[in-house]
PDB file of all heavy atoms in Angstrom:
ATOM      1  N   ALA A   1      16.220  -4.202 -25.716  1.00  0.00           N
ATOM      2  CA  ALA A   1      16.185  -4.300 -24.249  1.00  0.00           C
ATOM      3  C   ALA A   1      17.503  -5.194 -23.846  1.00  0.00           C
ATOM      4  O   ALA A   1      17.605  -6.151 -24.452  1.00  0.00           O
ATOM      5  CB  ALA A   1      14.956  -4.839 -23.781  1.00  0.00           C
ATOM      6  N   PRO A   2      18.140  -4.700 -22.808  1.00  0.00           N
ATOM      7  CA  PRO A   2      19.304  -5.630 -22.326  1.00  0.00           C
ATOM      8  C   PRO A   2      18.751  -6.769 -21.663  1.00  0.00           C
ATOM      9  O   PRO A   2      17.615  -6.866 -21.184  1.00  0.00           O
ATOM     10  CB  PRO A   2      20.018  -4.724 -21.373  1.00  0.00           C
ATOM     11  CG  PRO A   2      18.946  -3.658 -20.855  1.00  0.00           C
ATOM     12  CD  PRO A   2      18.110  -3.537 -22.039  1.00  0.00           C
ATOM     13  N   ASP A   3      19.538  -7.813 -21.709  1.00  0.00           N
ATOM     14  CA  ASP A   3      19.208  -9.129 -20.948  1.00  0.00           C
ATOM     15  C   ASP A   3      19.055  -8.965 -19.533  1.00  0.00           C
ATOM     16  O   ASP A   3      18.272  -9.593 -18.875  1.00  0.00           O
ATOM     17  CB  ASP A   3      20.188 -10.211 -21.277  1.00  0.00           C
ATOM     18  CG  ASP A   3      20.181 -10.707 -22.695  1.00  0.00           C
ATOM     19  OD1 ASP A   3      19.149 -10.500 -23.323  1.00  0.00           O
ATOM     20  OD2 ASP A   3      21.294 -11.237 -23.148  1.00  0.00           O
ATOM     21  N   ARG A   4      19.945  -8.099 -18.971  1.00  0.00           N
ATOM     22  CA  ARG A   4      19.886  -7.842 -17.434  1.00  0.00           C
ATOM     23  C   ARG A   4      19.966  -6.397 -17.228  1.00  0.00           C
ATOM     24  O   ARG A   4      20.658  -5.622 -17.991  1.00  0.00           O
ATOM     25  CB  ARG A   4      20.958  -8.551 -16.851  1.00  0.00           C
ATOM     26  CG  ARG A   4      21.120  -9.944 -16.803  1.00  0.00           C
ATOM     27  CD  ARG A   4      22.190 -10.402 -15.891  1.00  0.00           C
ATOM     28  NE  ARG A   4      22.767 -11.623 -16.483  1.00  0.00           N
ATOM     29  CZ  ARG A   4      23.664 -12.427 -15.835  1.00  0.00           C
ATOM     30  NH1 ARG A   4      24.064 -11.985 -14.728  1.00  0.00           N
ATOM     31  NH2 ARG A   4      24.081 -13.520 -16.389  1.00  0.00           N
ATOM     32  N   PRO A   5      19.276  -5.981 -16.112  1.00  0.00           N
ATOM     33  CA  PRO A   5      19.571  -4.525 -15.817  1.00  0.00           C
ATOM     34  C   PRO A   5      20.921  -4.186 -15.397  1.00  0.00           C
ATOM     35  O   PRO A   5      21.660  -5.118 -15.005  1.00  0.00           O
ATOM     36  CB  PRO A   5      18.630  -4.262 -14.600  1.00  0.00           C
ATOM     37  CG  PRO A   5      18.115  -5.589 -14.169  1.00  0.00           C
ATOM     38  CD  PRO A   5      18.413  -6.534 -15.256  1.00  0.00           C
ATOM     39  N   ALA A   6      21.393  -2.995 -15.553  1.00  0.00           N
ATOM     40  CA  ALA A   6      22.739  -2.648 -15.078  1.00  0.00           C
ATOM     41  C   ALA A   6      22.947  -2.779 -13.568  1.00  0.00           C
ATOM     42  O   ALA A   6      21.895  -2.585 -12.964  1.00  0.00           O
ATOM     43  CB  ALA A   6      22.937  -1.131 -15.550  1.00  0.00           C
ATOM     44  N   PRO A   7      24.086  -3.091 -13.101  1.00  0.00           N
ATOM     45  CA  PRO A   7      24.266  -3.156 -11.627  1.00  0.00           C
ATOM     46  C   PRO A   7      23.936  -1.830 -11.064  1.00  0.00           C
ATOM     47  O   PRO A   7      24.106  -0.793 -11.474  1.00  0.00           O
ATOM     48  CB  PRO A   7      25.798  -3.438 -11.569  1.00  0.00           C
ATOM     49  CG  PRO A   7      26.194  -4.006 -12.845  1.00  0.00           C
ATOM     50  CD  PRO A   7      25.285  -3.371 -13.857  1.00  0.00           C
ATOM     51  N   GLY A   8      23.194  -2.002  -9.784  1.00  0.00           N
ATOM     52  CA  GLY A   8      22.698  -0.865  -9.112  1.00  0.00           C
ATOM     53  C   GLY A   8      21.295  -0.267  -9.525  1.00  0.00           C
ATOM     54  O   GLY A   8      20.857   0.608  -8.969  1.00  0.00           O
ATOM     55  N   THR A   9      20.782  -0.950 -10.634  1.00  0.00           N
ATOM     56  CA  THR A   9      19.480  -0.511 -11.033  1.00  0.00           C
ATOM     57  C   THR A   9      18.446  -0.867 -10.000  1.00  0.00           C
ATOM     58  O   THR A   9      18.379  -2.048  -9.632  1.00  0.00           O
ATOM     59  CB  THR A   9      19.253  -1.073 -12.431  1.00  0.00           C
ATOM     60  OG1 THR A   9      20.153  -0.648 -13.415  1.00  0.00           O
ATOM     61  CG2 THR A   9      17.778  -0.602 -12.931  1.00  0.00           C
ATOM     62  N   PRO A  10      17.628   0.074  -9.541  1.00  0.00           N
ATOM     63  CA  PRO A  10      16.676  -0.319  -8.604  1.00  0.00           C
ATOM     64  C   PRO A  10      15.592  -1.361  -9.137  1.00  0.00           C
ATOM     65  O   PRO A  10      15.248  -1.242 -10.318  1.00  0.00           O
ATOM     66  CB  PRO A  10      15.943   0.948  -8.258  1.00  0.00           C
ATOM     67  CG  PRO A  10      16.708   2.112  -8.895  1.00  0.00           C
ATOM     68  CD  PRO A  10      17.505   1.532  -9.884  1.00  0.00           C
ATOM     69  N   ILE A  11      15.155  -2.204  -8.318  1.00  0.00           N
ATOM     70  CA  ILE A  11      14.062  -3.124  -8.678  1.00  0.00           C
ATOM     71  C   ILE A  11      12.767  -2.274  -8.906  1.00  0.00           C
ATOM     72  O   ILE A  11      12.546  -1.431  -8.119  1.00  0.00           O
ATOM     73  CB  ILE A  11      13.845  -4.099  -7.505  1.00  0.00           C
ATOM     74  CG1 ILE A  11      15.056  -5.137  -7.446  1.00  0.00           C
ATOM     75  CG2 ILE A  11      12.624  -4.944  -7.871  1.00  0.00           C
ATOM     76  CD1 ILE A  11      15.075  -5.959  -6.244  1.00  0.00           C
ATOM     77  N   PRO A  12      12.085  -2.512  -9.990  1.00  0.00           N
ATOM     78  CA  PRO A  12      10.854  -1.726 -10.160  1.00  0.00           C
ATOM     79  C   PRO A  12       9.903  -1.855  -8.928  1.00  0.00           C
ATOM     80  O   PRO A  12       9.711  -3.011  -8.437  1.00  0.00           O
ATOM     81  CB  PRO A  12      10.206  -2.304 -11.456  1.00  0.00           C
ATOM     82  CG  PRO A  12      11.370  -3.000 -12.129  1.00  0.00           C
ATOM     83  CD  PRO A  12      12.313  -3.423 -11.041  1.00  0.00           C
ATOM     84  N   GLU A  13       9.353  -0.839  -8.550  1.00  0.00           N
ATOM     85  CA  GLU A  13       8.498  -0.858  -7.334  1.00  0.00           C
ATOM     86  C   GLU A  13       7.327   0.084  -7.716  1.00  0.00           C
ATOM     87  O   GLU A  13       7.388   1.171  -8.295  1.00  0.00           O
ATOM     88  CB  GLU A  13       9.240  -0.226  -6.175  1.00  0.00           C
ATOM     89  CG  GLU A  13       8.596  -0.313  -4.842  1.00  0.00           C
ATOM     90  CD  GLU A  13       9.462   0.172  -3.753  1.00  0.00           C
ATOM     91  OE1 GLU A  13      10.507   0.743  -3.927  1.00  0.00           O
ATOM     92  OE2 GLU A  13       8.923   0.056  -2.591  1.00  0.00           O
ATOM     93  N   ILE A  14       6.064  -0.303  -7.316  1.00  0.00           N
ATOM     94  CA  ILE A  14       4.882   0.480  -7.500  1.00  0.00           C
ATOM     95  C   ILE A  14       4.162   0.528  -6.150  1.00  0.00           C
ATOM     96  O   ILE A  14       4.142  -0.338  -5.428  1.00  0.00           O
ATOM     97  CB  ILE A  14       3.993  -0.151  -8.567  1.00  0.00           C
ATOM     98  CG1 ILE A  14       2.837   0.864  -8.879  1.00  0.00           C
ATOM     99  CG2 ILE A  14       3.535  -1.549  -8.313  1.00  0.00           C
ATOM    100  CD1 ILE A  14       2.062   0.529 -10.116  1.00  0.00           C
ATOM    101  N   ALA A  15       3.545   1.715  -5.945  1.00  0.00           N
ATOM    102  CA  ALA A  15       2.752   1.944  -4.600  1.00  0.00           C
ATOM    103  C   ALA A  15       1.669   2.871  -5.036  1.00  0.00           C
ATOM    104  O   ALA A  15       1.521   3.528  -6.076  1.00  0.00           O
ATOM    105  CB  ALA A  15       3.718   2.528  -3.690  1.00  0.00           C
ATOM    106  N   GLY A  16       0.756   2.832  -4.014  1.00  0.00           N
ATOM    107  CA  GLY A  16      -0.434   3.778  -4.204  1.00  0.00           C
ATOM    108  C   GLY A  16      -0.024   5.091  -4.101  1.00  0.00           C
ATOM    109  O   GLY A  16       1.167   5.557  -3.739  1.00  0.00           O
ATOM    110  N   PRO A  17      -0.900   6.133  -4.380  1.00  0.00           N
ATOM    111  CA  PRO A  17      -0.570   7.483  -4.577  1.00  0.00           C
ATOM    112  C   PRO A  17      -0.277   8.262  -3.265  1.00  0.00           C
ATOM    113  O   PRO A  17       0.289   9.373  -3.420  1.00  0.00           O
ATOM    114  CB  PRO A  17      -1.818   8.078  -5.228  1.00  0.00           C
ATOM    115  CG  PRO A  17      -2.945   7.176  -4.825  1.00  0.00           C
ATOM    116  CD  PRO A  17      -2.262   5.920  -4.631  1.00  0.00           C
ATOM    117  N   ARG A  18      -0.636   7.755  -2.050  1.00  0.00           N
ATOM    118  CA  ARG A  18      -0.427   8.459  -0.859  1.00  0.00           C
ATOM    119  C   ARG A  18      -0.182   7.525   0.313  1.00  0.00           C
ATOM    120  O   ARG A  18      -0.647   6.431   0.353  1.00  0.00           O
ATOM    121  CB  ARG A  18      -1.578   9.506  -0.576  1.00  0.00           C
ATOM    122  CG  ARG A  18      -2.641   8.833  -0.051  1.00  0.00           C
ATOM    123  CD  ARG A  18      -3.724   9.919   0.428  1.00  0.00           C
ATOM    124  NE  ARG A  18      -4.853   9.230   1.024  1.00  0.00           N
ATOM    125  CZ  ARG A  18      -6.121   9.600   1.135  1.00  0.00           C
ATOM    126  NH1 ARG A  18      -6.263  10.761   0.547  1.00  0.00           N
ATOM    127  NH2 ARG A  18      -6.857   8.971   1.703  1.00  0.00           N
ATOM    128  N   LYS A  19       0.459   8.073   1.336  1.00  0.00           N
ATOM    129  CA  LYS A  19       0.788   7.326   2.524  1.00  0.00           C
ATOM    130  C   LYS A  19      -0.598   7.357   3.255  1.00  0.00           C
ATOM    131  O   LYS A  19      -1.213   8.350   3.459  1.00  0.00           O
ATOM    132  CB  LYS A  19       1.865   8.086   3.332  1.00  0.00           C
ATOM    133  CG  LYS A  19       2.164   7.506   4.630  1.00  0.00           C
ATOM    134  CD  LYS A  19       3.297   8.211   5.277  1.00  0.00           C
ATOM    135  CE  LYS A  19       3.498   7.934   6.739  1.00  0.00           C
ATOM    136  NZ  LYS A  19       4.488   8.739   7.404  1.00  0.00           N
ATOM    137  N   GLU A  20      -0.852   6.154   3.817  1.00  0.00           N
ATOM    138  CA  GLU A  20      -2.153   5.922   4.631  1.00  0.00           C
ATOM    139  C   GLU A  20      -1.561   4.996   5.856  1.00  0.00           C
ATOM    140  O   GLU A  20      -0.487   4.495   5.741  1.00  0.00           O
ATOM    141  CB  GLU A  20      -3.199   5.223   3.833  1.00  0.00           C
ATOM    142  CG  GLU A  20      -3.510   6.118   2.586  1.00  0.00           C
ATOM    143  CD  GLU A  20      -4.677   5.324   1.789  1.00  0.00           C
ATOM    144  OE1 GLU A  20      -5.868   5.546   2.111  1.00  0.00           O
ATOM    145  OE2 GLU A  20      -4.265   4.752   0.790  1.00  0.00           O
ATOM    146  N   THR A  21      -2.532   4.843   6.708  1.00  0.00           N
ATOM    147  CA  THR A  21      -2.261   3.753   7.670  1.00  0.00           C
ATOM    148  C   THR A  21      -3.167   2.642   7.459  1.00  0.00           C
ATOM    149  O   THR A  21      -4.344   2.901   7.015  1.00  0.00           O
ATOM    150  CB  THR A  21      -2.271   4.281   9.111  1.00  0.00           C
ATOM    151  OG1 THR A  21      -3.728   4.647   9.437  1.00  0.00           O
ATOM    152  CG2 THR A  21      -1.363   5.459   9.395  1.00  0.00           C
ATOM    153  N   MET A  22      -2.802   1.436   7.934  1.00  0.00           N
ATOM    154  CA  MET A  22      -3.832   0.343   7.796  1.00  0.00           C
ATOM    155  C   MET A  22      -5.057   0.533   8.703  1.00  0.00           C
ATOM    156  O   MET A  22      -6.148   0.076   8.167  1.00  0.00           O
ATOM    157  CB  MET A  22      -3.037  -0.968   8.332  1.00  0.00           C
ATOM    158  CG  MET A  22      -1.996  -1.418   7.306  1.00  0.00           C
ATOM    159  SD  MET A  22      -2.502  -1.815   5.652  1.00  0.00           S
ATOM    160  CE  MET A  22      -3.478  -3.300   5.870  1.00  0.00           C
ATOM    161  N   VAL A  23      -4.943   1.168   9.798  1.00  0.00           N
ATOM    162  CA  VAL A  23      -6.180   1.501  10.574  1.00  0.00           C
ATOM    163  C   VAL A  23      -7.060   2.344   9.875  1.00  0.00           C
ATOM    164  O   VAL A  23      -8.299   2.290   9.831  1.00  0.00           O
ATOM    165  CB  VAL A  23      -5.787   1.839  12.008  1.00  0.00           C
ATOM    166  CG1 VAL A  23      -5.243   3.340  12.067  1.00  0.00           C
ATOM    167  CG2 VAL A  23      -6.895   1.773  12.980  1.00  0.00           C
ATOM    168  N   GLU A  24      -6.522   3.410   9.214  1.00  0.00           N
ATOM    169  CA  GLU A  24      -7.321   4.311   8.313  1.00  0.00           C
ATOM    170  C   GLU A  24      -8.152   3.544   7.443  1.00  0.00           C
ATOM    171  O   GLU A  24      -9.349   3.694   7.175  1.00  0.00           O
ATOM    172  CB  GLU A  24      -6.591   5.386   7.823  1.00  0.00           C
ATOM    173  CG  GLU A  24      -5.965   6.412   8.673  1.00  0.00           C
ATOM    174  CD  GLU A  24      -4.945   7.319   7.965  1.00  0.00           C
ATOM    175  OE1 GLU A  24      -4.558   6.982   6.768  1.00  0.00           O
ATOM    176  OE2 GLU A  24      -4.586   8.237   8.603  1.00  0.00           O
ATOM    177  N   ALA A  25      -7.397   2.599   6.640  1.00  0.00           N
ATOM    178  CA  ALA A  25      -8.031   1.780   5.618  1.00  0.00           C
ATOM    179  C   ALA A  25      -9.090   0.897   6.216  1.00  0.00           C
ATOM    180  O   ALA A  25     -10.182   0.733   5.675  1.00  0.00           O
ATOM    181  CB  ALA A  25      -7.049   0.991   4.835  1.00  0.00           C
ATOM    182  N   ALA A  26      -8.833   0.233   7.284  1.00  0.00           N
ATOM    183  CA  ALA A  26      -9.666  -0.651   8.002  1.00  0.00           C
ATOM    184  C   ALA A  26     -10.951   0.046   8.489  1.00  0.00           C
ATOM    185  O   ALA A  26     -12.035  -0.399   8.354  1.00  0.00           O
ATOM    186  CB  ALA A  26      -8.965  -1.374   9.139  1.00  0.00           C
ATOM    187  N   ARG A  27     -10.754   1.269   8.962  1.00  0.00           N
ATOM    188  CA  ARG A  27     -11.968   2.145   9.394  1.00  0.00           C
ATOM    189  C   ARG A  27     -12.803   2.432   8.270  1.00  0.00           C
ATOM    190  O   ARG A  27     -14.138   2.413   8.421  1.00  0.00           O
ATOM    191  CB  ARG A  27     -11.541   3.342  10.073  1.00  0.00           C
ATOM    192  CG  ARG A  27     -11.035   3.056  11.493  1.00  0.00           C
ATOM    193  CD  ARG A  27     -10.627   4.312  12.330  1.00  0.00           C
ATOM    194  NE  ARG A  27     -10.171   3.977  13.674  1.00  0.00           N
ATOM    195  CZ  ARG A  27      -9.298   4.423  14.344  1.00  0.00           C
ATOM    196  NH1 ARG A  27      -8.556   5.479  13.731  1.00  0.00           N
ATOM    197  NH2 ARG A  27      -8.994   4.090  15.532  1.00  0.00           N
ATOM    198  N   LEU A  28     -12.335   2.775   7.137  1.00  0.00           N
ATOM    199  CA  LEU A  28     -13.058   3.123   5.982  1.00  0.00           C
ATOM    200  C   LEU A  28     -13.911   1.866   5.512  1.00  0.00           C
ATOM    201  O   LEU A  28     -15.118   2.029   5.241  1.00  0.00           O
ATOM    202  CB  LEU A  28     -12.131   3.544   4.701  1.00  0.00           C
ATOM    203  CG  LEU A  28     -11.573   4.923   4.789  1.00  0.00           C
ATOM    204  CD1 LEU A  28     -10.502   5.057   3.703  1.00  0.00           C
ATOM    205  CD2 LEU A  28     -12.714   5.991   4.713  1.00  0.00           C
ATOM    206  N   LEU A  29     -13.224   0.709   5.440  1.00  0.00           N
ATOM    207  CA  LEU A  29     -13.866  -0.560   5.127  1.00  0.00           C
ATOM    208  C   LEU A  29     -15.007  -0.862   6.089  1.00  0.00           C
ATOM    209  O   LEU A  29     -16.159  -1.191   5.906  1.00  0.00           O
ATOM    210  CB  LEU A  29     -12.945  -1.616   4.902  1.00  0.00           C
ATOM    211  CG  LEU A  29     -13.443  -2.966   4.475  1.00  0.00           C
ATOM    212  CD1 LEU A  29     -14.187  -2.849   3.128  1.00  0.00           C
ATOM    213  CD2 LEU A  29     -12.414  -4.020   4.409  1.00  0.00           C
ATOM    214  N   GLY A  30     -14.642  -0.767   7.480  1.00  0.00           N
ATOM    215  CA  GLY A  30     -15.573  -1.057   8.508  1.00  0.00           C
ATOM    216  C   GLY A  30     -16.817  -0.032   8.463  1.00  0.00           C
ATOM    217  O   GLY A  30     -17.885  -0.658   8.668  1.00  0.00           O
ATOM    218  N   ALA A  31     -16.525   1.149   8.267  1.00  0.00           N
ATOM    219  CA  ALA A  31     -17.718   2.092   8.119  1.00  0.00           C
ATOM    220  C   ALA A  31     -18.711   1.664   6.981  1.00  0.00           C
ATOM    221  O   ALA A  31     -19.836   1.699   7.115  1.00  0.00           O
ATOM    222  CB  ALA A  31     -17.146   3.466   7.896  1.00  0.00           C
ATOM    223  N   ARG A  32     -18.118   1.192   5.909  1.00  0.00           N
ATOM    224  CA  ARG A  32     -18.915   0.711   4.811  1.00  0.00           C
ATOM    225  C   ARG A  32     -19.682  -0.443   5.112  1.00  0.00           C
ATOM    226  O   ARG A  32     -20.875  -0.600   4.580  1.00  0.00           O
ATOM    227  CB  ARG A  32     -18.048   0.549   3.635  1.00  0.00           C
ATOM    228  CG  ARG A  32     -18.778   0.173   2.421  1.00  0.00           C
ATOM    229  CD  ARG A  32     -17.803  -0.074   1.191  1.00  0.00           C
ATOM    230  NE  ARG A  32     -18.518  -0.523   0.015  1.00  0.00           N
ATOM    231  CZ  ARG A  32     -18.545  -0.055  -1.136  1.00  0.00           C
ATOM    232  NH1 ARG A  32     -17.820   1.039  -1.346  1.00  0.00           N
ATOM    233  NH2 ARG A  32     -19.216  -0.553  -2.037  1.00  0.00           N
ATOM    234  N   ARG A  33     -19.167  -1.309   5.976  1.00  0.00           N
ATOM    235  CA  ARG A  33     -19.794  -2.648   6.268  1.00  0.00           C
ATOM    236  C   ARG A  33     -20.557  -2.595   7.679  1.00  0.00           C
ATOM    237  O   ARG A  33     -21.028  -3.550   8.052  1.00  0.00           O
ATOM    238  CB  ARG A  33     -18.771  -3.759   6.288  1.00  0.00           C
ATOM    239  CG  ARG A  33     -18.229  -3.941   4.912  1.00  0.00           C
ATOM    240  CD  ARG A  33     -17.302  -5.177   4.971  1.00  0.00           C
ATOM    241  NE  ARG A  33     -16.779  -5.459   3.609  1.00  0.00           N
ATOM    242  CZ  ARG A  33     -15.896  -6.388   3.334  1.00  0.00           C
ATOM    243  NH1 ARG A  33     -15.456  -7.163   4.270  1.00  0.00           N
ATOM    244  NH2 ARG A  33     -15.562  -6.541   2.127  1.00  0.00           N
ATOM    245  N   GLY A  34     -20.512  -1.411   8.362  1.00  0.00           N
ATOM    246  CA  GLY A  34     -21.218  -1.309   9.479  1.00  0.00           C
ATOM    247  C   GLY A  34     -20.497  -2.052  10.796  1.00  0.00           C
ATOM    248  O   GLY A  34     -21.079  -2.418  11.656  1.00  0.00           O
ATOM    249  N   VAL A  35     -19.051  -1.997  10.600  1.00  0.00           N
ATOM    250  CA  VAL A  35     -18.331  -2.639  11.568  1.00  0.00           C
ATOM    251  C   VAL A  35     -17.426  -1.553  12.296  1.00  0.00           C
ATOM    252  O   VAL A  35     -16.728  -0.887  11.533  1.00  0.00           O
ATOM    253  CB  VAL A  35     -17.398  -3.784  11.094  1.00  0.00           C
ATOM    254  CG1 VAL A  35     -16.430  -4.427  12.026  1.00  0.00           C
ATOM    255  CG2 VAL A  35     -18.370  -4.870  10.397  1.00  0.00           C
ATOM    256  N   LYS A  36     -17.387  -1.520  13.636  1.00  0.00           N
ATOM    257  CA  LYS A  36     -16.481  -0.553  14.304  1.00  0.00           C
ATOM    258  C   LYS A  36     -15.041  -1.163  14.293  1.00  0.00           C
ATOM    259  O   LYS A  36     -14.821  -2.286  14.767  1.00  0.00           O
ATOM    260  CB  LYS A  36     -16.930  -0.299  15.704  1.00  0.00           C
ATOM    261  CG  LYS A  36     -16.074   0.688  16.479  1.00  0.00           C
ATOM    262  CD  LYS A  36     -16.661   0.992  17.758  1.00  0.00           C
ATOM    263  CE  LYS A  36     -15.706   1.978  18.502  1.00  0.00           C
ATOM    264  NZ  LYS A  36     -16.015   2.156  19.851  1.00  0.00           N
ATOM    265  N   VAL A  37     -14.161  -0.359  13.843  1.00  0.00           N
ATOM    266  CA  VAL A  37     -12.741  -0.832  13.851  1.00  0.00           C
ATOM    267  C   VAL A  37     -11.979  -0.045  14.949  1.00  0.00           C
ATOM    268  O   VAL A  37     -12.091   1.216  15.031  1.00  0.00           O
ATOM    269  CB  VAL A  37     -12.088  -0.707  12.410  1.00  0.00           C
ATOM    270  CG1 VAL A  37     -10.642  -0.909  12.505  1.00  0.00           C
ATOM    271  CG2 VAL A  37     -12.732  -1.462  11.469  1.00  0.00           C
ATOM    272  N   VAL A  38     -11.232  -0.682  15.715  1.00  0.00           N
ATOM    273  CA  VAL A  38     -10.382  -0.041  16.793  1.00  0.00           C
ATOM    274  C   VAL A  38      -9.002  -0.418  16.514  1.00  0.00           C
ATOM    275  O   VAL A  38      -8.568  -1.539  16.429  1.00  0.00           O
ATOM    276  CB  VAL A  38     -10.878  -0.680  18.147  1.00  0.00           C
ATOM    277  CG1 VAL A  38      -9.986   0.057  19.310  1.00  0.00           C
ATOM    278  CG2 VAL A  38     -12.336  -0.464  18.432  1.00  0.00           C
ATOM    279  N   GLY A  39      -8.200   0.667  16.469  1.00  0.00           N
ATOM    280  CA  GLY A  39      -6.776   0.529  16.210  1.00  0.00           C
ATOM    281  C   GLY A  39      -6.008   0.227  17.535  1.00  0.00           C
ATOM    282  O   GLY A  39      -6.599   0.593  18.622  1.00  0.00           O
ATOM    283  N   ILE A  40      -4.936  -0.445  17.403  1.00  0.00           N
ATOM    284  CA  ILE A  40      -4.156  -0.758  18.598  1.00  0.00           C
ATOM    285  C   ILE A  40      -2.765  -0.352  18.348  1.00  0.00           C
ATOM    286  O   ILE A  40      -2.206  -0.415  17.240  1.00  0.00           O
ATOM    287  CB  ILE A  40      -4.221  -2.343  18.967  1.00  0.00           C
ATOM    288  CG1 ILE A  40      -3.788  -3.170  17.835  1.00  0.00           C
ATOM    289  CG2 ILE A  40      -5.474  -2.632  19.628  1.00  0.00           C
ATOM    290  CD1 ILE A  40      -3.641  -4.628  18.183  1.00  0.00           C
TER     291      ILE A  40
END
C-alpha cells in the first residue's frame, strides 16, 4: 500500500443504500414510539 493516496484520489465515503429525508426517518421512529412527528 502506498504511504499516501495519489493526488486527486477521492476521500473514502460511505452512505446508506438509498436517499431518504430526515422527516421520513423521524416519522418512522416516532410511529414506533407513539410520537407524532411534524415536518417543517
